Protein backbone atom coordinates (compact mmCIF):
# COMPACT_ATOMS: atom_id res chain seq x y z
CA MET A 1 0.00 0.00 0.00
CA THR A 2 1.41 3.37 -1.07
CA SER A 3 0.55 6.32 1.17
CA ILE A 4 0.10 9.63 -0.65
CA CYS A 5 -0.20 13.10 0.85
CA MET A 6 -1.96 15.53 -1.47
CA ILE A 7 -1.12 19.14 -0.55
CA ILE A 8 -3.22 21.84 -2.24
CA THR A 9 -3.42 25.60 -1.85
CA GLY A 10 -7.17 25.55 -1.13
CA LEU A 11 -10.33 23.54 -1.69
CA SER A 12 -12.76 26.07 -3.15
CA ILE A 13 -14.42 25.21 -6.45
CA GLY A 14 -11.90 25.38 -9.30
CA GLY A 15 -10.35 23.27 -12.03
CA ALA A 16 -7.44 21.85 -10.00
CA GLU A 17 -9.59 21.28 -6.92
CA THR A 18 -12.25 19.48 -8.95
CA MET A 19 -9.64 17.31 -10.68
CA LEU A 20 -8.19 16.36 -7.29
CA LEU A 21 -11.67 15.28 -6.17
CA LYS A 22 -12.21 13.23 -9.33
CA LEU A 23 -8.79 11.61 -8.95
CA LEU A 24 -9.55 10.62 -5.36
CA GLN A 25 -12.94 9.22 -6.40
CA THR A 26 -11.31 6.87 -8.91
CA LEU A 27 -7.94 6.12 -7.28
CA ASP A 28 -7.36 2.41 -6.59
CA ARG A 29 -7.82 2.36 -2.81
CA ASP A 30 -6.52 -1.20 -2.61
CA ARG A 31 -3.11 0.12 -3.72
CA PHE A 32 -3.07 3.74 -2.56
CA ALA A 33 -3.94 5.37 0.78
CA PRO A 34 -4.43 9.12 0.24
CA GLU A 35 -4.80 12.04 2.62
CA VAL A 36 -5.28 15.72 1.76
CA ILE A 37 -3.85 18.88 3.31
CA SER A 38 -5.24 22.29 2.35
CA LEU A 39 -2.96 25.22 3.13
CA THR A 40 -6.04 27.43 3.59
CA ASN A 41 -9.51 26.02 4.33
CA LEU A 42 -11.84 23.15 3.50
CA GLY A 43 -13.91 25.18 1.03
CA GLU A 44 -16.69 23.39 -0.82
CA VAL A 45 -14.54 20.48 -1.99
CA GLY A 46 -13.10 19.44 1.39
CA PRO A 47 -16.30 17.91 2.79
CA ARG A 48 -16.83 15.99 -0.45
CA ILE A 49 -13.36 14.46 -0.08
CA GLU A 50 -14.05 13.62 3.57
CA ALA A 51 -17.24 11.86 2.44
CA LEU A 52 -14.99 9.44 0.54
CA GLY A 53 -13.42 8.40 3.85
CA ILE A 54 -10.21 10.31 3.12
CA PRO A 55 -8.64 12.43 5.89
CA VAL A 56 -8.57 16.17 5.12
CA HIS A 57 -6.64 18.75 7.15
CA ALA A 58 -6.91 22.53 6.76
CA LEU A 59 -4.01 24.67 8.01
CA GLY A 60 -5.90 27.97 7.95
CA MET A 61 -3.23 30.00 6.15
CA ASP A 62 -4.25 33.23 4.39
CA ARG A 63 -3.89 33.14 0.61
CA GLY A 64 -0.79 34.95 -0.58
CA LYS A 65 0.72 35.30 2.90
CA LEU A 66 3.48 33.22 4.46
CA ASN A 67 2.31 31.77 7.76
CA LEU A 68 5.29 30.31 9.61
CA LYS A 69 3.09 28.58 12.17
CA GLY A 70 1.15 26.83 9.41
CA PHE A 71 4.37 25.97 7.59
CA TRP A 72 5.89 24.34 10.69
CA THR A 73 2.60 22.52 11.31
CA LEU A 74 2.86 21.11 7.79
CA ILE A 75 6.45 19.97 8.35
CA GLY A 76 5.48 18.35 11.65
CA HIS A 77 2.58 16.51 10.06
CA LEU A 78 4.77 15.14 7.27
CA ARG A 79 7.42 14.02 9.77
CA ARG A 80 4.81 12.13 11.77
CA SER A 81 2.85 10.59 8.91
CA ARG A 82 5.87 9.81 6.66
CA PRO A 83 3.89 9.41 3.40
CA ASP A 84 5.54 7.41 0.64
CA VAL A 85 4.71 10.13 -1.91
CA VAL A 86 3.80 13.82 -1.68
CA HIS A 87 1.85 15.37 -4.56
CA THR A 88 1.34 19.14 -4.43
CA TRP A 89 -1.30 21.05 -6.39
CA MET A 90 -0.94 24.72 -7.49
CA TYR A 91 1.85 27.23 -6.99
CA HIS A 92 1.83 28.02 -3.28
CA ALA A 93 1.40 24.36 -2.38
CA ASP A 94 4.18 23.40 -4.81
CA LEU A 95 6.67 25.74 -3.17
CA LEU A 96 5.66 25.47 0.49
CA GLY A 97 4.70 21.81 0.27
CA GLY A 98 7.91 21.03 -1.57
CA LEU A 99 10.05 22.78 1.03
CA ALA A 100 8.13 21.13 3.86
CA ALA A 101 8.54 17.69 2.30
CA ARG A 102 12.29 18.21 1.89
CA MET A 103 12.62 19.39 5.51
CA ALA A 104 10.65 16.33 6.61
CA GLY A 105 13.07 14.09 4.71
CA ILE A 106 10.63 13.12 1.93
CA ARG A 107 12.06 13.12 -1.59
CA ALA A 108 9.30 11.34 -3.52
CA LEU A 109 7.64 14.61 -4.54
CA ALA A 110 5.52 15.59 -7.54
CA TRP A 111 4.43 19.14 -8.27
CA GLY A 112 1.22 20.00 -10.12
CA ILE A 113 0.82 22.86 -12.63
CA HIS A 114 -2.70 23.97 -13.49
CA GLN A 115 -2.31 27.38 -15.14
CA SER A 116 -0.88 28.68 -18.41
CA ASN A 117 -1.55 32.43 -18.36
CA LEU A 118 1.07 34.29 -16.32
CA ALA A 119 0.28 37.76 -17.68
CA PRO A 120 0.65 40.37 -14.89
CA GLU A 121 -2.82 41.80 -15.53
CA PHE A 122 -4.40 38.47 -14.60
CA ASN A 123 -2.16 37.42 -11.68
CA LYS A 124 -1.29 38.82 -8.28
CA THR A 125 2.27 40.04 -7.82
CA SER A 126 2.69 37.56 -4.96
CA THR A 127 1.68 34.69 -7.25
CA LEU A 128 4.21 35.71 -9.89
CA MET A 129 6.90 35.89 -7.20
CA VAL A 130 6.04 32.34 -6.12
CA VAL A 131 6.30 31.23 -9.76
CA LYS A 132 9.80 32.73 -10.09
CA ALA A 133 10.92 31.11 -6.83
CA SER A 134 9.41 27.80 -7.91
CA ALA A 135 11.25 27.95 -11.23
CA LEU A 136 14.54 28.04 -9.31
CA ALA A 137 13.43 25.37 -6.84
CA SER A 138 12.14 23.08 -9.61
CA ARG A 139 15.69 21.82 -10.20
CA TYR A 140 16.08 20.66 -6.60
CA LEU A 141 12.74 19.87 -4.95
CA PRO A 142 10.38 17.79 -7.14
CA ARG A 143 11.15 14.50 -8.84
CA LYS A 144 8.27 15.08 -11.28
CA ILE A 145 6.35 18.16 -12.41
CA ILE A 146 2.89 17.15 -13.63
CA SER A 147 1.29 19.61 -16.04
CA CYS A 148 -2.37 19.36 -16.97
CA SER A 149 -1.76 20.87 -20.41
CA ASP A 150 0.92 21.06 -23.07
CA ARG A 151 0.55 24.86 -23.24
CA ALA A 152 1.08 25.18 -19.48
CA MET A 153 4.16 22.98 -19.72
CA ARG A 154 5.73 25.14 -22.41
CA VAL A 155 4.88 28.38 -20.60
CA HIS A 156 6.54 27.18 -17.39
CA VAL A 157 9.63 25.85 -19.14
CA THR A 158 9.99 29.33 -20.64
CA GLU A 159 9.72 30.72 -17.09
CA GLY A 160 12.65 28.52 -16.04
CA TYR A 161 10.99 25.32 -14.79
CA CYS A 162 13.06 22.17 -15.24
CA PHE A 163 12.01 20.61 -18.56
CA SER A 164 13.45 17.14 -17.86
CA LYS A 165 11.05 16.65 -14.95
CA MET A 166 7.90 17.61 -16.86
CA VAL A 167 5.13 15.06 -17.39
CA LEU A 168 1.86 15.77 -19.22
CA VAL A 169 -1.30 14.35 -17.62
CA PRO A 170 -4.48 16.07 -18.82
CA ASN A 171 -7.66 16.33 -16.80
CA GLY A 172 -10.09 13.43 -17.07
CA PHE A 173 -13.87 13.23 -17.32
CA ASP A 174 -16.46 10.86 -15.91
CA LEU A 175 -18.50 9.73 -18.90
CA THR A 176 -21.08 8.13 -16.62
CA ARG A 177 -21.84 11.52 -15.03
CA PHE A 178 -21.63 13.78 -18.08
CA VAL A 179 -23.92 12.20 -20.66
CA PRO A 180 -26.27 13.31 -23.45
CA ASP A 181 -29.69 13.89 -21.87
CA SER A 182 -32.74 15.00 -23.85
CA ALA A 183 -34.77 15.25 -20.64
CA ALA A 184 -32.30 17.83 -19.31
CA ARG A 185 -32.68 19.82 -22.49
CA ALA A 186 -36.44 20.03 -21.93
CA SER A 187 -36.39 20.57 -18.16
CA VAL A 188 -33.84 23.41 -18.16
CA ARG A 189 -35.83 25.31 -20.77
CA SER A 190 -39.00 24.73 -18.78
CA GLU A 191 -37.28 25.97 -15.60
CA MET A 192 -36.42 29.24 -17.33
CA GLY A 193 -39.80 29.63 -19.03
CA LEU A 194 -38.44 29.07 -22.53
CA SER A 195 -39.97 27.24 -25.45
CA SER A 196 -38.74 23.69 -25.94
CA ASP A 197 -36.95 24.64 -29.17
CA ALA A 198 -35.26 27.84 -27.94
CA PRO A 199 -31.56 27.92 -28.94
CA LEU A 200 -29.43 27.90 -25.78
CA VAL A 201 -25.77 28.90 -25.44
CA GLY A 202 -23.97 28.55 -22.11
CA VAL A 203 -20.87 29.69 -20.26
CA VAL A 204 -20.02 27.77 -17.08
CA ALA A 205 -17.25 29.53 -15.13
CA ARG A 206 -16.71 31.27 -11.80
CA ASP A 207 -16.44 35.05 -11.59
CA ASP A 208 -12.83 35.76 -12.56
CA PRO A 209 -11.37 38.31 -15.02
CA GLN A 210 -9.61 35.52 -16.92
CA LYS A 211 -12.97 33.88 -17.69
CA ASN A 212 -14.01 37.02 -19.63
CA HIS A 213 -17.74 37.09 -18.89
CA LEU A 214 -17.93 40.73 -19.99
CA GLY A 215 -16.45 39.82 -23.35
CA PHE A 216 -19.03 37.08 -23.73
CA VAL A 217 -21.83 39.58 -23.15
CA GLU A 218 -20.53 41.47 -26.20
CA ALA A 219 -20.46 38.25 -28.23
CA ALA A 220 -23.95 37.30 -27.05
CA ALA A 221 -25.29 40.68 -28.16
CA ALA A 222 -23.86 40.06 -31.63
CA VAL A 223 -25.44 36.59 -31.73
CA HIS A 224 -28.75 38.04 -30.57
CA ARG A 225 -28.80 40.53 -33.45
CA VAL A 226 -28.73 37.60 -35.88
CA ILE A 227 -30.81 35.11 -33.84
CA PRO A 228 -33.04 37.23 -31.56
CA TRP A 229 -34.79 34.17 -30.10
CA CYS A 230 -31.50 32.75 -28.77
CA HIS A 231 -31.02 32.61 -25.00
CA PHE A 232 -27.84 32.47 -22.93
CA ILE A 233 -27.12 30.96 -19.52
CA LEU A 234 -24.16 31.92 -17.35
CA ALA A 235 -23.47 29.69 -14.35
CA GLY A 236 -20.70 29.80 -11.76
CA THR A 237 -19.78 31.19 -8.38
CA GLY A 238 -20.39 34.94 -8.33
CA ILE A 239 -22.33 34.95 -11.61
CA ASP A 240 -25.69 36.11 -10.27
CA LYS A 241 -27.93 39.13 -9.68
CA ASP A 242 -25.44 40.55 -7.16
CA ASN A 243 -22.69 40.88 -9.78
CA ALA A 244 -23.03 44.60 -10.47
CA SER A 245 -20.56 44.94 -13.35
CA LEU A 246 -21.96 41.93 -15.20
CA ASN A 247 -25.57 43.02 -14.77
CA ARG A 248 -24.69 46.52 -15.92
CA ALA A 249 -23.05 45.15 -19.08
CA ILE A 250 -26.12 43.01 -19.81
CA GLU A 251 -28.42 46.02 -19.43
CA GLN A 252 -26.24 48.12 -21.72
CA VAL A 253 -26.54 45.66 -24.62
CA GLY A 254 -30.25 45.04 -24.06
CA LEU A 255 -30.04 41.36 -23.14
CA ARG A 256 -31.91 41.43 -19.83
CA ASP A 257 -34.63 39.10 -21.13
CA ASN A 258 -32.29 36.70 -22.90
CA MET A 259 -29.35 36.39 -20.47
CA HIS A 260 -29.94 34.13 -17.46
CA LEU A 261 -27.52 34.33 -14.52
CA LEU A 262 -27.73 31.11 -12.51
CA GLY A 263 -24.91 31.47 -9.97
CA ARG A 264 -23.21 28.37 -8.60
CA ARG A 265 -25.10 25.20 -9.48
CA ASP A 266 -24.89 21.63 -8.25
CA ASP A 267 -26.49 20.27 -11.44
CA VAL A 268 -23.76 21.16 -13.92
CA PRO A 269 -24.12 17.89 -15.93
CA ARG A 270 -27.81 18.71 -16.43
CA LEU A 271 -27.03 22.28 -17.52
CA MET A 272 -24.33 21.10 -19.91
CA ALA A 273 -26.63 18.54 -21.51
CA SER A 274 -29.31 21.20 -22.07
CA LEU A 275 -27.13 23.38 -24.30
CA ASP A 276 -26.99 23.65 -28.06
CA VAL A 277 -23.47 25.10 -27.84
CA LEU A 278 -21.03 25.81 -24.99
CA ALA A 279 -18.87 28.93 -25.21
CA SER A 280 -15.50 29.38 -23.51
CA PRO A 281 -14.45 33.04 -23.97
CA SER A 282 -11.49 32.95 -21.56
CA HIS A 283 -8.39 35.13 -21.73
CA GLY A 284 -6.37 32.34 -20.12
CA GLU A 285 -6.69 28.68 -19.14
CA ALA A 286 -4.43 25.69 -18.74
CA PHE A 287 -6.90 22.89 -19.38
CA PRO A 288 -10.51 24.21 -19.46
CA SER A 289 -12.50 21.33 -18.00
CA VAL A 290 -15.82 22.84 -19.06
CA LEU A 291 -14.97 21.92 -22.65
CA GLY A 292 -14.51 18.26 -21.77
CA GLU A 293 -17.68 18.24 -19.67
CA ALA A 294 -19.79 19.74 -22.47
CA MET A 295 -18.25 17.48 -25.10
CA ALA A 296 -18.95 14.43 -22.92
CA CYS A 297 -22.60 15.55 -23.05
CA ALA A 298 -22.35 15.62 -26.87
CA VAL A 299 -22.46 19.42 -26.95
CA PRO A 300 -20.16 21.14 -29.49
CA CYS A 301 -18.04 24.03 -28.22
CA VAL A 302 -16.71 27.38 -29.39
CA ALA A 303 -13.59 28.33 -27.43
CA THR A 304 -10.82 30.88 -27.44
CA ASP A 305 -7.38 29.53 -28.29
CA VAL A 306 -5.95 29.49 -24.77
CA GLY A 307 -4.27 26.66 -22.89
CA ASP A 308 -5.06 23.33 -24.51
CA SER A 309 -8.52 24.35 -25.76
CA ALA A 310 -7.66 23.66 -29.39
CA ALA A 311 -6.26 20.22 -28.54
CA ILE A 312 -9.37 19.32 -26.55
CA VAL A 313 -11.91 20.52 -29.13
CA GLY A 314 -10.08 19.17 -32.17
CA HIS A 315 -12.39 19.14 -35.22
CA THR A 316 -15.58 18.78 -33.17
CA GLY A 317 -16.17 22.51 -32.62
CA ARG A 318 -14.62 25.90 -33.28
CA VAL A 319 -11.56 27.69 -31.85
CA VAL A 320 -11.02 31.45 -32.22
CA PRO A 321 -8.17 33.79 -31.23
CA ALA A 322 -8.26 34.93 -27.61
CA GLY A 323 -9.97 38.27 -27.13
CA GLN A 324 -11.78 38.24 -30.49
CA MET A 325 -15.38 38.24 -29.33
CA ASP A 326 -16.67 39.21 -32.78
CA GLU A 327 -15.20 35.98 -34.17
CA LEU A 328 -16.55 34.02 -31.20
CA ALA A 329 -20.00 35.39 -32.05
CA ARG A 330 -19.65 34.47 -35.73
CA GLN A 331 -18.72 30.89 -34.90
CA LEU A 332 -21.57 30.59 -32.40
CA VAL A 333 -23.99 31.75 -35.10
CA ALA A 334 -22.45 29.28 -37.56
CA LEU A 335 -23.09 26.35 -35.22
CA LEU A 336 -26.57 27.54 -34.22
CA GLU A 337 -27.63 27.98 -37.86
CA MET A 338 -26.19 24.61 -38.84
CA PRO A 339 -28.87 21.97 -39.57
CA GLU A 340 -29.66 20.24 -36.30
CA GLN A 341 -28.56 16.79 -37.47
CA TYR A 342 -25.13 18.16 -38.43
CA ARG A 343 -24.70 19.90 -35.07
CA GLN A 344 -25.74 16.70 -33.31
CA ALA A 345 -23.19 14.75 -35.36
CA LEU A 346 -20.49 17.15 -34.16
CA GLY A 347 -21.67 16.49 -30.61
CA VAL A 348 -21.38 12.73 -31.08
CA LYS A 349 -17.82 13.16 -32.38
CA ALA A 350 -17.06 15.40 -29.40
CA ARG A 351 -18.10 12.73 -26.91
CA GLU A 352 -16.11 10.11 -28.81
CA ARG A 353 -13.05 12.37 -28.60
CA ILE A 354 -13.36 12.65 -24.81
CA GLN A 355 -13.83 8.88 -24.56
CA GLU A 356 -10.67 8.27 -26.60
CA HIS A 357 -8.32 10.82 -25.03
CA TYR A 358 -9.64 12.02 -21.66
CA GLU A 359 -11.65 9.25 -19.98
CA LEU A 360 -11.25 9.62 -16.23
CA ARG A 361 -10.17 6.12 -15.28
CA SER A 362 -7.41 6.05 -17.90
CA ILE A 363 -6.16 9.44 -16.66
CA THR A 364 -6.21 8.16 -13.08
CA GLN A 365 -4.08 5.19 -14.13
CA ARG A 366 -1.45 7.61 -15.43
CA TYR A 367 -1.32 9.28 -12.01
CA GLU A 368 -1.07 5.87 -10.36
CA GLU A 369 1.89 4.96 -12.57
CA ILE A 370 3.68 8.17 -11.53
CA TYR A 371 3.04 7.49 -7.83
CA SER A 372 4.35 3.93 -8.14
CA GLN A 373 7.45 5.12 -9.98
CA LEU A 374 8.12 7.80 -7.35
CA GLN A 375 7.85 5.23 -4.57
CA ILE A 376 10.31 2.91 -6.30
CA GLU A 377 12.81 5.73 -6.92
CA ARG A 378 12.62 7.38 -3.51
């Protein structure tokens, strides 16, 4: 039995946090005994991990601030528990968790990279400082650096991360949870008071400047001018009636009746399956999981060319240059005006692509192989 300590910056809803949860749900528990340490708090994901019977510890550190008490608590925990492997997730956990593991005498360490956009306008100065420090430490601390996307790997090598330690393991998707569902298509439209044949475009992303919700509002307005009966749903933490800037933008383009802000939802598979097209207008991503989730539901996607979006979508949707919302709108219109049977055929190919390249259990096996290799080499 291989014991693994997963150290992550926090456990709020996000791409890395969700992938950690999915990994723990599918990890072979006859071979691996995991525990999780959050540098900050339990967030929404922590209790879901605990429900799997996996120990979760929260150190209560403040994001972006070095807490020496929490750091020494982490070192002490690792010295007592002596895990066979430590796997850290996200920048602050990579650096602090890596240092703590080394001070605890643990060398079987893997870092995890889950971001590809390091532009100063989208990152805190403290985060960029951690990235620079991690680039230096990458030659000494981790045995492996696991990147969730090829784009993220190349960006970090350019920043000075050790190329020889890089391993690509993309995010995986549960094809038993994200499935085509005609009942969802009908029920979501009914919930919003729409006709059963109303075209529906969705964006599923938390409130974050990199997700570019305001840009999507511009694109939606352009789509609406061509297809005035089209409706749009935006779902994610902070995407609701209390989001002043987003609501103001919607009012300015006259989409109050056609733009539906749903906030954080627990029925994301149902929402995904209800869509005609999913849009991903982001300025930056590493591996946008929403694309894989929609494609698993046989929903074609239009995405900006950030992170590994183009690699995920392949020929089953459309990819446009980042920031070009006019082109995003044109491609959305193209898919919406496509004969329904052709759009459905794209959706079928999209699901097949996820099955072939990103099925969750096969991705989990790649993590398991890395953990076993690290244990042997420690």
